[in-house]
Amino acid sequence: MGVFQYIFIRIATTVIATATQATGHYCEDSLHPAFAHLWCLIFNVIAVTIAMYCLITFYLNLKRDLAANKPFFKLLCIKLVIFFSFWQMVRVSPISRLSIVINICQDSVRSPRF
């Protein structure tokens, strides 16, 4: 059940982000508690952490029973892609706000090249 909660949390935070973005209360560039972006981010971090903990616990408890199928690398690859893609979003977002990373799409809109 711990892994499946991530699906529902992610869908709920996406709906909340869409609704609050439409009303002007999301503000992805701010981590102020008055905006929904911070709260959606916190709930997603908690949900990913719980899901990863449950997957590791599941594997450790069934390691001997599933040894013939060699599930370790299959589980590891799938979950690391999900885990690191989420944390990449969390880490890249502040870097882009600090203008360390240049937004290529934004620059191409300002000065189109023909």
C-alpha atoms as a PDB file:
ATOM      1  CA  MET A   1       0.000   0.000   0.000  1.00  0.00           C
ATOM      2  CA  GLY A   2       2.920   2.335   0.637  1.00  0.00           C
ATOM      3  CA  VAL A   3       3.955   2.280  -3.014  1.00  0.00           C
ATOM      4  CA  PHE A   4       0.447   2.878  -4.338  1.00  0.00           C
ATOM      5  CA  GLN A   5      -0.042   5.965  -2.168  1.00  0.00           C
ATOM      6  CA  TYR A   6       2.478   7.766  -4.386  1.00  0.00           C
ATOM      7  CA  ILE A   7       0.157   7.448  -7.381  1.00  0.00           C
ATOM      8  CA  PHE A   8      -2.749   9.046  -5.559  1.00  0.00           C
ATOM      9  CA  ILE A   9      -0.623  11.756  -3.940  1.00  0.00           C
ATOM     10  CA  ARG A  10       0.954  12.625  -7.297  1.00  0.00           C
ATOM     11  CA  ILE A  11      -2.421  12.869  -9.030  1.00  0.00           C
ATOM     12  CA  ALA A  12      -3.851  14.957  -6.174  1.00  0.00           C
ATOM     13  CA  THR A  13      -0.904  17.368  -6.141  1.00  0.00           C
ATOM     14  CA  THR A  14      -1.092  17.713  -9.931  1.00  0.00           C
ATOM     15  CA  VAL A  15      -4.789  18.610  -9.730  1.00  0.00           C
ATOM     16  CA  ILE A  16      -4.089  21.031  -6.881  1.00  0.00           C
ATOM     17  CA  ALA A  17      -1.191  22.604  -8.798  1.00  0.00           C
ATOM     18  CA  THR A  18      -3.366  23.069 -11.882  1.00  0.00           C
ATOM     19  CA  ALA A  19      -6.227  24.589  -9.897  1.00  0.00           C
ATOM     20  CA  THR A  20      -4.016  26.915  -7.875  1.00  0.00           C
ATOM     21  CA  GLN A  21      -2.054  27.942 -10.962  1.00  0.00           C
ATOM     22  CA  ALA A  22      -5.336  29.006 -12.567  1.00  0.00           C
ATOM     23  CA  THR A  23      -6.230  31.091  -9.513  1.00  0.00           C
ATOM     24  CA  GLY A  24      -2.747  32.596  -9.149  1.00  0.00           C
ATOM     25  CA  HIS A  25      -1.882  30.834  -5.889  1.00  0.00           C
ATOM     26  CA  TYR A  26       0.754  28.363  -7.147  1.00  0.00           C
ATOM     27  CA  CYS A  27       3.854  30.480  -7.992  1.00  0.00           C
ATOM     28  CA  GLU A  28       6.469  27.900  -8.967  1.00  0.00           C
ATOM     29  CA  ASP A  29       9.245  30.465  -8.520  1.00  0.00           C
ATOM     30  CA  SER A  30       8.528  30.965  -4.822  1.00  0.00           C
ATOM     31  CA  LEU A  31       8.972  28.696  -1.817  1.00  0.00           C
ATOM     32  CA  HIS A  32       6.840  30.915   0.384  1.00  0.00           C
ATOM     33  CA  PRO A  33       4.294  28.916   2.447  1.00  0.00           C
ATOM     34  CA  ALA A  34       1.451  31.101   1.158  1.00  0.00           C
ATOM     35  CA  PHE A  35       1.762  29.443  -2.268  1.00  0.00           C
ATOM     36  CA  ALA A  36       0.729  25.891  -3.103  1.00  0.00           C
ATOM     37  CA  HIS A  37       4.003  25.020  -4.851  1.00  0.00           C
ATOM     38  CA  LEU A  38       5.834  24.505  -1.554  1.00  0.00           C
ATOM     39  CA  TRP A  39       3.100  22.273  -0.139  1.00  0.00           C
ATOM     40  CA  CYS A  40       2.801  20.186  -3.299  1.00  0.00           C
ATOM     41  CA  LEU A  41       6.564  19.752  -3.287  1.00  0.00           C
ATOM     42  CA  ILE A  42       6.602  18.680   0.373  1.00  0.00           C
ATOM     43  CA  PHE A  43       3.825  16.128  -0.131  1.00  0.00           C
ATOM     44  CA  ASN A  44       5.566  14.731  -3.219  1.00  0.00           C
ATOM     45  CA  VAL A  45       8.885  14.403  -1.356  1.00  0.00           C
ATOM     46  CA  ILE A  46       7.196  12.546   1.494  1.00  0.00           C
ATOM     47  CA  ALA A  47       5.284  10.295  -0.914  1.00  0.00           C
ATOM     48  CA  VAL A  48       8.416   9.384  -2.898  1.00  0.00           C
ATOM     49  CA  THR A  49      10.363   8.678   0.271  1.00  0.00           C
ATOM     50  CA  ILE A  50       7.642   6.402   1.683  1.00  0.00           C
ATOM     51  CA  ALA A  51       7.296   4.572  -1.646  1.00  0.00           C
ATOM     52  CA  MET A  52      11.040   3.965  -1.871  1.00  0.00           C
ATOM     53  CA  TYR A  53      11.167   2.762   1.738  1.00  0.00           C
ATOM     54  CA  CYS A  54       8.314   0.328   1.100  1.00  0.00           C
ATOM     55  CA  LEU A  55       9.962  -1.028  -2.061  1.00  0.00           C
ATOM     56  CA  ILE A  56      13.242  -1.609  -0.268  1.00  0.00           C
ATOM     57  CA  THR A  57      11.449  -3.288   2.633  1.00  0.00           C
ATOM     58  CA  PHE A  58       9.473  -5.459   0.196  1.00  0.00           C
ATOM     59  CA  TYR A  59      12.654  -6.540  -1.544  1.00  0.00           C
ATOM     60  CA  LEU A  60      14.525  -7.272   1.682  1.00  0.00           C
ATOM     61  CA  ASN A  61      11.675  -9.406   3.032  1.00  0.00           C
ATOM     62  CA  LEU A  62      11.225 -11.425  -0.175  1.00  0.00           C
ATOM     63  CA  LYS A  63      14.829 -11.564  -1.358  1.00  0.00           C
ATOM     64  CA  ARG A  64      15.234 -15.315  -0.784  1.00  0.00           C
ATOM     65  CA  ASP A  65      11.822 -16.217  -2.208  1.00  0.00           C
ATOM     66  CA  LEU A  66      12.419 -14.251  -5.407  1.00  0.00           C
ATOM     67  CA  ALA A  67      16.114 -15.182  -5.832  1.00  0.00           C
ATOM     68  CA  ALA A  68      15.402 -17.434  -8.835  1.00  0.00           C
ATOM     69  CA  ASN A  69      13.960 -14.457 -10.769  1.00  0.00           C
ATOM     70  CA  LYS A  70      16.852 -12.108  -9.879  1.00  0.00           C
ATOM     71  CA  PRO A  71      14.606  -9.065  -9.274  1.00  0.00           C
ATOM     72  CA  PHE A  72      17.251  -6.818  -7.702  1.00  0.00           C
ATOM     73  CA  PHE A  73      18.496  -5.035 -10.815  1.00  0.00           C
ATOM     74  CA  LYS A  74      15.004  -4.816 -12.321  1.00  0.00           C
ATOM     75  CA  LEU A  75      13.669  -3.175  -9.181  1.00  0.00           C
ATOM     76  CA  LEU A  76      16.738  -1.000  -8.827  1.00  0.00           C
ATOM     77  CA  CYS A  77      16.655   0.335 -12.395  1.00  0.00           C
ATOM     78  CA  ILE A  78      12.968   1.221 -12.439  1.00  0.00           C
ATOM     79  CA  LYS A  79      12.893   2.822  -9.030  1.00  0.00           C
ATOM     80  CA  LEU A  80      16.140   4.755  -9.428  1.00  0.00           C
ATOM     81  CA  VAL A  81      14.842   6.321 -12.628  1.00  0.00           C
ATOM     82  CA  ILE A  82      11.690   7.471 -10.834  1.00  0.00           C
ATOM     83  CA  PHE A  83      13.539   8.543  -7.696  1.00  0.00           C
ATOM     84  CA  PHE A  84      16.323  10.463  -9.441  1.00  0.00           C
ATOM     85  CA  SER A  85      14.022  12.121 -11.967  1.00  0.00           C
ATOM     86  CA  PHE A  86      11.965  13.461  -9.067  1.00  0.00           C
ATOM     87  CA  TRP A  87      15.010  14.687  -7.164  1.00  0.00           C
ATOM     88  CA  GLN A  88      16.437  16.173 -10.355  1.00  0.00           C
ATOM     89  CA  MET A  89      13.316  18.314 -10.624  1.00  0.00           C
ATOM     90  CA  VAL A  90      13.702  19.351  -6.991  1.00  0.00           C
ATOM     91  CA  ARG A  91      17.382  20.278  -7.469  1.00  0.00           C
ATOM     92  CA  VAL A  92      17.167  21.928 -10.919  1.00  0.00           C
ATOM     93  CA  SER A  93      14.221  24.163 -10.033  1.00  0.00           C
ATOM     94  CA  PRO A  94      16.166  26.340  -7.527  1.00  0.00           C
ATOM     95  CA  ILE A  95      19.177  26.465  -9.836  1.00  0.00           C
ATOM     96  CA  SER A  96      17.052  27.792 -12.692  1.00  0.00           C
ATOM     97  CA  ARG A  97      15.518  30.405 -10.361  1.00  0.00           C
ATOM     98  CA  LEU A  98      19.018  31.651  -9.525  1.00  0.00           C
ATOM     99  CA  SER A  99      19.719  32.067 -13.286  1.00  0.00           C
ATOM    100  CA  ILE A 100      22.663  29.675 -13.149  1.00  0.00           C
ATOM    101  CA  VAL A 101      21.009  27.634 -15.886  1.00  0.00           C
ATOM    102  CA  ILE A 102      19.803  29.611 -18.897  1.00  0.00           C
ATOM    103  CA  ASN A 103      16.323  28.862 -20.179  1.00  0.00           C
ATOM    104  CA  ILE A 104      16.878  28.045 -23.861  1.00  0.00           C
ATOM    105  CA  CYS A 105      13.176  28.224 -24.742  1.00  0.00           C
ATOM    106  CA  GLN A 106      12.846  31.649 -23.171  1.00  0.00           C
ATOM    107  CA  ASP A 107      15.913  32.966 -25.030  1.00  0.00           C
ATOM    108  CA  SER A 108      14.676  31.644 -28.376  1.00  0.00           C
ATOM    109  CA  VAL A 109      11.335  33.409 -27.863  1.00  0.00           C
ATOM    110  CA  ARG A 110      13.096  36.718 -27.254  1.00  0.00           C
ATOM    111  CA  SER A 111      15.377  36.559 -30.283  1.00  0.00           C
ATOM    112  CA  PRO A 112      14.207  34.188 -33.009  1.00  0.00           C
ATOM    113  CA  ARG A 113      16.919  33.054 -35.405  1.00  0.00           C
ATOM    114  CA  PHE A 114      16.054  32.781 -39.077  1.00  0.00           C
END
